[in-house]
Amino acid sequence: MADVQTLSGPTRAAVDRDALAARVRAELTGNVLPFWADVAVDHVRGGVHGRVEDDLTVDDSADRTAVLCARVLWAFAASARVLDDSAHLVTAAAAYDYLVAHFLDPVHGGVFWSVDADGAVVDDRKQVYAQAFAVYALAEYARASGADAPLRLAGELVALIEAHGADPVHGGYLEACARDWGAIGDMRLSPKDLNAPKSMNTLLHVMEAYTTYAEVTRDAAARARLAALVTVILDEVVDDARNCFRLFFALDWTPLSATVSFGHDIEGAWLLVAAATAVGDPALRARAERAAVAMADAVCRTGRDAAGAVLYEYEPADDNRPARTDTDSHWWAQAEGAVGFLDAYRLSGDPRFLDASAACWRFIEDHHVDRVHGDWVKVLDADRRPRPEFPKVGAWECPYHHVRACLELIQRLTTPGKESSR
């Protein structure tokens, strides 16, 4: 695995929580949310621009993904609820209207993968990952707004996922289906992924969506589905020998990759605990907590650079290449590190994790926050230079990770005993 990095200097476990929470809140309300409401939103055609560069140049020809739309909906709905500021529901409502008008399939149900800038369907595949984010956003919007229609729609999407995306033999969920929910040859979530029938990434975010859906509906069947998914992730996706996630699988859970994704490991650590908590099974929660602390420890020891930034991923050596560590800094991995390490500190009391969380936030403030154009620079190379091929707004460059991290940090730092923003 990557070389172990040791942070120098005295321990910083005695973090001023109130001061840190104030900095996080100021970043969220003074920079991130205003950027997405004012710059990223297309105030003429509706929805969100498909691509905005770091210098705020808008590409009006860029396609728009359901994931981008759903993540904007989730970010503003959750912000309205957690920050107790109903003004954010205006942006959430606009995203909801666009999702319903342009991404919902009126014939077969579910959400399309992408539309063009005018809202016409471009890619009609039913990626389970996209269905999950729609469920996540709709359930949160229902919780924040009190509206019934979004929750009914979320329930319809859950039923479609269960009918067409669930594996009744081996458990878990498939990657993708065709528009009519039939088989599809290329199941990849993105061009860089393996064409595998199952992936950690999709399973992780179905779990996240089902967590919120179960919390909002308080439905026993929803909790049962969530419990089954948490169990299969702990059984098949978590590699107990390496304390990390396996990434891609055959239908029978045969692993197809040895790559380690440090950002997903530290993100998944705290999401597993949140999911098990929503299930309400003490034994399952205890198991999730043990796995979470072990994965957080592995990332803390082997998945950070000397500044405390979470590295992107590690590929072990094979017959064709030597081992390789991707040292780029992705905004989402630092955001997840700030939350995941803080959660590991809560669970273990180990001050290393509190130090690691604070180091992630300092790195974000020092290198990712864009104090000229707003929001965050999404990807930096090892020399802390922006990678221009990653825009400020894009198919994957969304507000979800850093808005969620800010909300989680605010709640965890300011409310004694509060485990998350849920």
Protein backbone atom coordinates (compact mmCIF):
# COMPACT_ATOMS: atom_id res chain seq x y z
CA MET A 1 0.00 0.00 0.00
CA ALA A 2 1.08 3.66 -0.05
CA ASP A 3 4.00 4.72 2.08
CA VAL A 4 3.02 5.53 5.64
CA GLN A 5 2.99 9.27 6.27
CA THR A 6 3.60 10.65 9.74
CA LEU A 7 2.38 14.14 10.59
CA SER A 8 4.98 16.13 12.47
CA GLY A 9 4.37 18.41 15.42
CA PRO A 10 2.46 18.05 18.67
CA THR A 11 -0.98 16.55 18.82
CA ARG A 12 -3.83 18.92 18.06
CA ALA A 13 -6.54 16.84 19.67
CA ALA A 14 -7.62 19.81 21.79
CA VAL A 15 -9.42 21.34 18.77
CA ASP A 16 -11.48 24.44 19.44
CA ARG A 17 -14.72 22.91 18.25
CA ASP A 18 -16.79 26.08 18.37
CA ALA A 19 -14.22 28.01 16.35
CA LEU A 20 -13.93 25.24 13.78
CA ALA A 21 -17.71 24.94 13.50
CA ALA A 22 -17.93 28.70 12.92
CA ARG A 23 -15.36 28.49 10.12
CA VAL A 24 -17.19 25.61 8.51
CA ARG A 25 -20.54 27.39 8.70
CA ALA A 26 -19.05 30.57 7.24
CA GLU A 27 -17.57 28.62 4.34
CA LEU A 28 -20.85 26.87 3.63
CA THR A 29 -23.18 29.86 3.90
CA GLY A 30 -20.81 32.54 2.63
CA ASN A 31 -19.15 30.74 -0.28
CA VAL A 32 -20.39 27.29 -1.31
CA LEU A 33 -24.17 27.68 -1.23
CA PRO A 34 -24.18 31.17 -2.81
CA PHE A 35 -22.00 29.91 -5.68
CA TRP A 36 -24.34 27.04 -6.47
CA ALA A 37 -27.49 29.12 -6.14
CA ASP A 38 -26.22 32.12 -8.11
CA VAL A 39 -23.60 30.84 -10.58
CA ALA A 40 -24.25 27.15 -11.17
CA VAL A 41 -28.03 27.39 -11.57
CA ASP A 42 -29.26 28.14 -15.09
CA HIS A 43 -31.68 30.98 -14.41
CA VAL A 44 -32.90 31.02 -18.02
CA ARG A 45 -33.58 27.39 -18.96
CA GLY A 46 -33.81 25.94 -15.47
CA GLY A 47 -31.73 23.25 -13.86
CA VAL A 48 -27.97 23.54 -13.43
CA HIS A 49 -25.41 24.34 -16.12
CA GLY A 50 -23.75 21.18 -17.35
CA ARG A 51 -20.26 22.63 -17.12
CA VAL A 52 -18.73 25.74 -15.55
CA GLU A 53 -14.95 26.22 -15.61
CA ASP A 54 -12.85 27.48 -12.70
CA ASP A 55 -12.88 30.99 -14.23
CA LEU A 56 -16.71 30.82 -14.36
CA THR A 57 -16.88 30.32 -18.14
CA VAL A 58 -20.17 28.53 -18.83
CA ASP A 59 -20.37 25.82 -21.48
CA ASP A 60 -23.95 26.17 -22.69
CA SER A 61 -23.60 23.07 -24.87
CA ALA A 62 -22.72 20.66 -22.06
CA ASP A 63 -25.07 17.81 -21.25
CA ARG A 64 -26.58 17.56 -17.77
CA THR A 65 -26.73 14.45 -15.64
CA ALA A 66 -29.44 13.27 -13.28
CA VAL A 67 -26.73 12.88 -10.64
CA LEU A 68 -25.82 16.58 -10.86
CA CYS A 69 -29.47 17.64 -10.62
CA ALA A 70 -30.24 15.27 -7.74
CA ARG A 71 -27.16 16.34 -5.80
CA VAL A 72 -28.12 20.01 -6.08
CA LEU A 73 -31.63 19.14 -4.91
CA TRP A 74 -30.22 17.20 -1.96
CA ALA A 75 -27.68 19.88 -1.02
CA PHE A 76 -30.21 22.70 -0.77
CA ALA A 77 -32.93 20.60 0.85
CA ALA A 78 -30.52 19.36 3.52
CA SER A 79 -29.14 22.87 4.05
CA ALA A 80 -32.65 24.26 4.52
CA ARG A 81 -33.36 21.67 7.19
CA VAL A 82 -30.06 21.56 9.08
CA LEU A 83 -29.41 25.31 8.97
CA ASP A 84 -33.10 26.07 9.62
CA ASP A 85 -33.16 28.42 6.65
CA SER A 86 -36.15 27.96 4.37
CA ALA A 87 -34.62 30.31 1.77
CA HIS A 88 -32.62 27.34 0.49
CA LEU A 89 -35.86 25.59 -0.43
CA VAL A 90 -36.20 27.98 -3.39
CA THR A 91 -33.15 26.46 -5.10
CA ALA A 92 -34.20 22.98 -3.99
CA ALA A 93 -37.65 23.45 -5.53
CA ALA A 94 -36.15 24.58 -8.83
CA ALA A 95 -33.93 21.48 -8.95
CA TYR A 96 -36.91 19.28 -8.06
CA ASP A 97 -39.01 20.77 -10.84
CA TYR A 98 -36.23 20.22 -13.37
CA LEU A 99 -35.65 16.63 -12.23
CA VAL A 100 -39.34 15.80 -12.60
CA ALA A 101 -39.75 17.62 -15.92
CA HIS A 102 -36.67 16.32 -17.74
CA PHE A 103 -35.14 13.27 -16.09
CA LEU A 104 -38.16 11.11 -15.21
CA ASP A 105 -38.99 8.44 -17.79
CA PRO A 106 -42.77 8.73 -18.43
CA VAL A 107 -42.90 5.31 -20.10
CA HIS A 108 -40.76 2.91 -18.06
CA GLY A 109 -40.18 4.89 -14.88
CA GLY A 110 -36.89 5.77 -13.27
CA VAL A 111 -34.51 8.59 -14.16
CA PHE A 112 -32.51 8.91 -17.36
CA TRP A 113 -28.74 9.30 -17.09
CA SER A 114 -28.42 12.59 -19.00
CA VAL A 115 -30.18 15.27 -21.02
CA ASP A 116 -28.86 18.04 -23.23
CA ALA A 117 -28.83 21.72 -22.32
CA ASP A 118 -32.41 22.07 -23.60
CA GLY A 119 -33.65 19.15 -21.51
CA ALA A 120 -33.92 16.54 -24.30
CA VAL A 121 -32.84 12.99 -23.40
CA VAL A 122 -29.28 12.09 -24.44
CA ASP A 123 -28.54 8.88 -22.52
CA ASP A 124 -31.61 6.90 -21.48
CA ARG A 125 -29.88 4.12 -19.53
CA LYS A 126 -31.07 3.35 -16.00
CA GLN A 127 -27.90 3.50 -13.95
CA VAL A 128 -28.79 2.27 -10.45
CA TYR A 129 -26.39 4.85 -9.01
CA ALA A 130 -28.52 7.63 -10.54
CA GLN A 131 -31.75 6.08 -9.26
CA ALA A 132 -30.21 5.99 -5.79
CA PHE A 133 -29.26 9.65 -5.84
CA ALA A 134 -32.76 10.57 -6.96
CA VAL A 135 -34.19 8.60 -4.01
CA TYR A 136 -31.71 10.28 -1.65
CA ALA A 137 -32.57 13.77 -2.89
CA LEU A 138 -36.34 13.26 -3.04
CA ALA A 139 -36.52 11.80 0.46
CA GLU A 140 -34.47 14.67 1.85
CA TYR A 141 -36.57 17.23 0.00
CA ALA A 142 -39.72 15.68 1.44
CA ARG A 143 -38.21 15.81 4.92
CA ALA A 144 -37.15 19.45 4.54
CA SER A 145 -40.27 20.76 2.80
CA GLY A 146 -43.00 18.57 4.27
CA ALA A 147 -44.31 17.83 0.77
CA ASP A 148 -45.83 14.41 0.06
CA ALA A 149 -45.21 14.12 -3.70
CA PRO A 150 -41.39 13.84 -3.52
CA LEU A 151 -41.61 10.99 -1.02
CA ARG A 152 -44.16 9.13 -3.14
CA LEU A 153 -41.83 9.48 -6.11
CA ALA A 154 -38.91 8.25 -4.03
CA GLY A 155 -40.97 5.19 -3.09
CA GLU A 156 -41.69 4.50 -6.77
CA LEU A 157 -37.97 4.62 -7.56
CA VAL A 158 -37.18 2.28 -4.65
CA ALA A 159 -39.73 -0.19 -6.02
CA LEU A 160 -38.06 -0.04 -9.46
CA ILE A 161 -34.60 -0.56 -7.97
CA GLU A 162 -35.87 -3.57 -6.06
CA ALA A 163 -37.73 -5.02 -9.06
CA HIS A 164 -34.95 -4.61 -11.62
CA GLY A 165 -31.67 -3.77 -9.90
CA ALA A 166 -31.59 -6.17 -6.95
CA ASP A 167 -29.73 -9.49 -7.24
CA PRO A 168 -32.11 -12.09 -5.72
CA VAL A 169 -29.46 -14.81 -5.74
CA HIS A 170 -26.27 -13.26 -4.35
CA GLY A 171 -27.61 -10.05 -2.82
CA GLY A 172 -26.69 -6.47 -3.51
CA TYR A 173 -27.55 -4.47 -6.62
CA LEU A 174 -26.55 -4.39 -10.27
CA GLU A 175 -24.85 -1.45 -11.92
CA ALA A 176 -27.23 -0.62 -14.73
CA CYS A 177 -30.15 -1.56 -16.92
CA ALA A 178 -31.40 -0.42 -20.32
CA ARG A 179 -34.17 2.14 -20.57
CA ASP A 180 -36.84 -0.59 -20.35
CA TRP A 181 -34.98 -2.14 -17.39
CA GLY A 182 -33.70 -4.99 -19.52
CA ALA A 183 -30.09 -6.18 -19.69
CA ILE A 184 -27.41 -3.79 -20.94
CA GLY A 185 -23.96 -4.72 -22.22
CA ASP A 186 -21.95 -1.78 -20.94
CA MET A 187 -22.78 -1.33 -17.26
CA ARG A 188 -19.97 1.09 -16.38
CA LEU A 189 -20.75 4.10 -14.25
CA SER A 190 -17.96 6.07 -15.95
CA PRO A 191 -15.34 5.40 -18.65
CA LYS A 192 -12.61 4.82 -16.06
CA ASP A 193 -14.56 2.05 -14.30
CA LEU A 194 -14.52 -1.67 -15.03
CA ASN A 195 -17.47 -3.08 -16.92
CA ALA A 196 -18.51 -5.17 -13.94
CA PRO A 197 -22.03 -6.11 -12.82
CA LYS A 198 -21.50 -4.79 -9.29
CA SER A 199 -19.40 -2.05 -7.73
CA MET A 200 -18.68 -0.66 -4.29
CA ASN A 201 -19.59 2.84 -5.46
CA THR A 202 -23.12 1.97 -6.50
CA LEU A 203 -23.73 -0.17 -3.43
CA LEU A 204 -22.43 2.57 -1.13
CA HIS A 205 -24.83 5.14 -2.51
CA VAL A 206 -27.83 2.83 -2.64
CA MET A 207 -27.11 2.28 1.05
CA GLU A 208 -26.93 6.03 1.64
CA ALA A 209 -30.19 6.63 -0.20
CA TYR A 210 -31.97 3.83 1.63
CA THR A 211 -30.69 5.22 4.93
CA THR A 212 -32.41 8.56 4.36
CA TYR A 213 -35.50 6.88 2.89
CA ALA A 214 -35.81 4.62 5.94
CA GLU A 215 -35.36 7.54 8.32
CA VAL A 216 -38.02 9.64 6.59
CA THR A 217 -40.61 6.89 6.05
CA ARG A 218 -39.94 4.97 9.30
CA ASP A 219 -41.02 1.94 7.31
CA ALA A 220 -40.10 -1.53 8.59
CA ALA A 221 -39.65 -2.92 5.06
CA ALA A 222 -37.27 -0.07 4.23
CA ARG A 223 -35.22 -0.83 7.34
CA ALA A 224 -35.12 -4.52 6.42
CA ARG A 225 -33.80 -3.75 2.93
CA LEU A 226 -31.21 -1.44 4.44
CA ALA A 227 -30.13 -4.06 6.98
CA ALA A 228 -29.64 -6.60 4.19
CA LEU A 229 -27.51 -4.16 2.21
CA VAL A 230 -25.36 -3.15 5.19
CA THR A 231 -24.78 -6.84 5.90
CA VAL A 232 -23.75 -7.67 2.35
CA ILE A 233 -21.38 -4.70 2.25
CA LEU A 234 -19.76 -5.83 5.50
CA ASP A 235 -19.62 -9.44 4.25
CA GLU A 236 -18.49 -8.93 0.66
CA VAL A 237 -17.28 -5.38 0.01
CA VAL A 238 -15.17 -4.72 3.10
CA ASP A 239 -11.81 -6.46 2.82
CA ASP A 240 -11.12 -7.42 6.44
CA ALA A 241 -7.50 -8.32 5.69
CA ARG A 242 -6.64 -4.89 4.27
CA ASN A 243 -9.33 -2.85 6.05
CA CYS A 244 -10.54 -1.25 2.85
CA PHE A 245 -13.31 -1.63 0.29
CA ARG A 246 -13.03 -3.92 -2.68
CA LEU A 247 -14.20 -1.95 -5.72
CA PHE A 248 -15.60 -4.20 -8.47
CA PHE A 249 -17.26 -7.61 -8.45
CA ALA A 250 -18.68 -10.43 -10.50
CA LEU A 251 -22.26 -11.38 -9.73
CA ASP A 252 -21.11 -13.94 -7.14
CA TRP A 253 -18.92 -11.32 -5.39
CA THR A 254 -15.64 -12.52 -6.87
CA PRO A 255 -13.41 -9.42 -6.58
CA LEU A 256 -12.27 -7.99 -9.92
CA SER A 257 -9.89 -5.27 -8.70
CA ALA A 258 -7.28 -4.79 -5.98
CA THR A 259 -7.24 -0.97 -6.21
CA VAL A 260 -7.75 0.95 -2.95
CA SER A 261 -9.83 4.15 -3.03
CA PHE A 262 -8.86 6.07 0.11
CA GLY A 263 -11.62 8.65 -0.28
CA HIS A 264 -14.32 6.02 -0.59
CA ASP A 265 -12.91 4.11 2.38
CA ILE A 266 -13.12 7.07 4.75
CA GLU A 267 -16.51 8.11 3.32
CA GLY A 268 -17.91 4.60 3.52
CA ALA A 269 -16.69 4.21 7.09
CA TRP A 270 -19.03 6.83 8.48
CA LEU A 271 -21.86 6.03 6.05
CA LEU A 272 -21.85 2.41 7.24
CA VAL A 273 -22.32 3.55 10.82
CA ALA A 274 -25.12 5.94 9.83
CA ALA A 275 -26.89 3.16 7.93
CA ALA A 276 -26.56 0.63 10.74
CA THR A 277 -27.85 3.25 13.18
CA ALA A 278 -30.92 3.81 10.99
CA VAL A 279 -31.57 0.04 10.95
CA GLY A 280 -31.76 0.04 14.76
CA ASP A 281 -29.96 -3.30 15.27
CA PRO A 282 -27.32 -2.92 18.03
CA ALA A 283 -25.31 -5.94 16.84
CA LEU A 284 -25.19 -4.68 13.27
CA ARG A 285 -24.24 -1.22 14.45
CA ALA A 286 -21.42 -2.62 16.61
CA ARG A 287 -20.10 -4.54 13.63
CA ALA A 288 -20.28 -1.44 11.42
CA GLU A 289 -18.46 0.63 14.02
CA ARG A 290 -15.62 -1.89 14.24
CA ALA A 291 -15.22 -1.89 10.48
CA ALA A 292 -15.42 1.92 10.34
CA VAL A 293 -12.66 2.47 12.88
CA ALA A 294 -10.44 -0.13 11.19
CA MET A 295 -10.89 1.50 7.78
CA ALA A 296 -10.34 4.99 9.19
CA ASP A 297 -7.14 3.74 10.83
CA ALA A 298 -5.90 2.30 7.52
CA VAL A 299 -6.53 5.57 5.68
CA CYS A 300 -5.00 7.58 8.53
CA ARG A 301 -1.81 5.49 8.42
CA THR A 302 -1.36 4.78 4.72
CA GLY A 303 -3.70 7.03 2.73
CA ARG A 304 -2.54 10.57 3.52
CA ASP A 305 0.33 12.76 2.43
CA ALA A 306 2.65 14.73 4.69
CA ALA A 307 0.17 17.62 4.89
CA GLY A 308 -2.61 15.34 6.03
CA ALA A 309 -4.50 15.38 2.72
CA VAL A 310 -6.31 12.18 1.77
CA LEU A 311 -4.66 10.63 -1.29
CA TYR A 312 -6.84 9.54 -4.19
CA GLU A 313 -6.08 5.85 -4.68
CA TYR A 314 -3.48 3.10 -4.62
CA GLU A 315 -2.94 0.36 -7.19
CA PRO A 316 -0.81 -2.57 -6.02
CA ALA A 317 1.76 -4.09 -8.35
CA ASP A 318 0.78 -6.84 -10.76
CA ASP A 319 2.46 -8.69 -13.61
CA ASN A 320 2.16 -5.69 -15.94
CA ARG A 321 3.04 -2.69 -13.77
CA PRO A 322 4.62 -1.60 -10.49
CA ALA A 323 2.59 -0.31 -7.55
CA ARG A 324 1.25 3.21 -8.04
CA THR A 325 -0.17 5.84 -5.69
CA ASP A 326 -2.30 8.61 -7.20
CA THR A 327 -1.30 11.68 -5.19
CA ASP A 328 -3.87 14.08 -6.62
CA SER A 329 -6.09 15.81 -4.09
CA HIS A 330 -9.79 15.56 -4.91
CA TRP A 331 -12.10 17.95 -3.08
CA TRP A 332 -14.54 15.21 -2.20
CA ALA A 333 -11.91 13.00 -0.56
CA GLN A 334 -10.77 15.84 1.73
CA ALA A 335 -14.40 16.62 2.62
CA GLU A 336 -15.07 12.99 3.46
CA GLY A 337 -11.85 12.79 5.45
CA ALA A 338 -12.90 15.70 7.65
CA VAL A 339 -16.14 13.88 8.54
CA GLY A 340 -14.92 10.29 8.56
CA PHE A 341 -11.96 10.92 10.83
CA LEU A 342 -14.11 12.96 13.22
CA ASP A 343 -16.57 10.08 13.36
CA ALA A 344 -13.72 7.63 14.06
CA TYR A 345 -12.60 9.88 16.91
CA ARG A 346 -16.12 9.80 18.36
CA LEU A 347 -16.18 6.02 18.15
CA SER A 348 -12.65 5.32 19.40
CA GLY A 349 -11.49 8.34 21.41
CA ASP A 350 -8.16 8.12 19.55
CA PRO A 351 -6.79 11.69 19.22
CA ARG A 352 -5.04 10.79 15.96
CA PHE A 353 -8.41 10.87 14.26
CA LEU A 354 -9.28 14.31 15.59
CA ASP A 355 -5.93 15.55 14.33
CA ALA A 356 -6.57 13.96 10.96
CA SER A 357 -10.01 15.56 10.66
CA ALA A 358 -8.66 19.01 11.50
CA ALA A 359 -5.79 18.52 9.04
CA CYS A 360 -8.26 17.76 6.24
CA TRP A 361 -10.19 20.93 6.94
CA ARG A 362 -7.03 23.04 7.09
CA PHE A 363 -5.94 21.58 3.76
CA ILE A 364 -9.32 22.44 2.27
CA GLU A 365 -9.09 26.03 3.49
CA ASP A 366 -5.49 26.40 2.34
CA HIS A 367 -5.75 24.78 -1.08
CA HIS A 368 -9.27 23.91 -2.30
CA VAL A 369 -11.35 26.94 -1.34
CA ASP A 370 -11.47 29.32 -4.31
CA ARG A 371 -11.44 32.80 -2.80
CA VAL A 372 -11.56 34.48 -6.22
CA HIS A 373 -14.32 32.72 -8.16
CA GLY A 374 -16.18 30.95 -5.37
CA ASP A 375 -16.82 27.35 -4.34
CA TRP A 376 -13.86 24.92 -4.33
CA VAL A 377 -11.23 23.92 -6.84
CA LYS A 378 -12.12 20.31 -7.48
CA VAL A 379 -8.80 18.56 -8.15
CA LEU A 380 -5.18 19.52 -7.41
CA ASP A 381 -2.02 17.76 -8.49
CA ALA A 382 0.78 16.87 -6.07
CA ASP A 383 2.19 20.40 -6.42
CA ARG A 384 -1.19 21.89 -5.41
CA ARG A 385 -1.90 23.17 -8.92
CA PRO A 386 -5.49 22.95 -10.22
CA ARG A 387 -6.15 20.23 -12.78
CA PRO A 388 -7.98 22.18 -15.54
CA GLU A 389 -9.72 19.12 -16.97
CA PHE A 390 -11.85 19.02 -13.82
CA PRO A 391 -14.33 21.95 -13.96
CA LYS A 392 -15.99 23.82 -11.14
CA VAL A 393 -19.36 22.36 -12.21
CA GLY A 394 -19.64 19.15 -14.24
CA ALA A 395 -21.22 15.74 -14.48
CA TRP A 396 -19.41 14.69 -11.30
CA GLU A 397 -18.33 18.08 -9.92
CA CYS A 398 -21.34 18.71 -7.70
CA PRO A 399 -22.02 20.36 -4.31
CA TYR A 400 -23.00 17.14 -2.59
CA HIS A 401 -19.76 16.03 -0.92
CA HIS A 402 -18.64 19.38 0.46
CA VAL A 403 -22.12 20.62 1.43
CA ARG A 404 -22.75 17.35 3.22
CA ALA A 405 -19.37 17.51 4.95
CA CYS A 406 -20.05 21.03 6.18
CA LEU A 407 -23.48 20.07 7.51
CA GLU A 408 -22.11 16.96 9.21
CA LEU A 409 -19.22 18.88 10.77
CA ILE A 410 -21.45 21.68 12.04
CA GLN A 411 -23.76 19.21 13.75
CA ARG A 412 -21.02 17.01 15.18
CA LEU A 413 -18.93 19.92 16.47
CA THR A 414 -21.72 21.98 18.04
CA THR A 415 -24.19 19.44 19.43
CA PRO A 416 -22.91 17.18 22.24
CA GLY A 417 -23.74 13.55 21.46
CA LYS A 418 -25.05 14.39 17.98
CA GLU A 419 -23.73 11.78 15.57
CA SER A 420 -24.70 13.34 12.25
CA SER A 421 -26.94 15.88 10.56
CA ARG A 422 -29.70 13.33 10.04
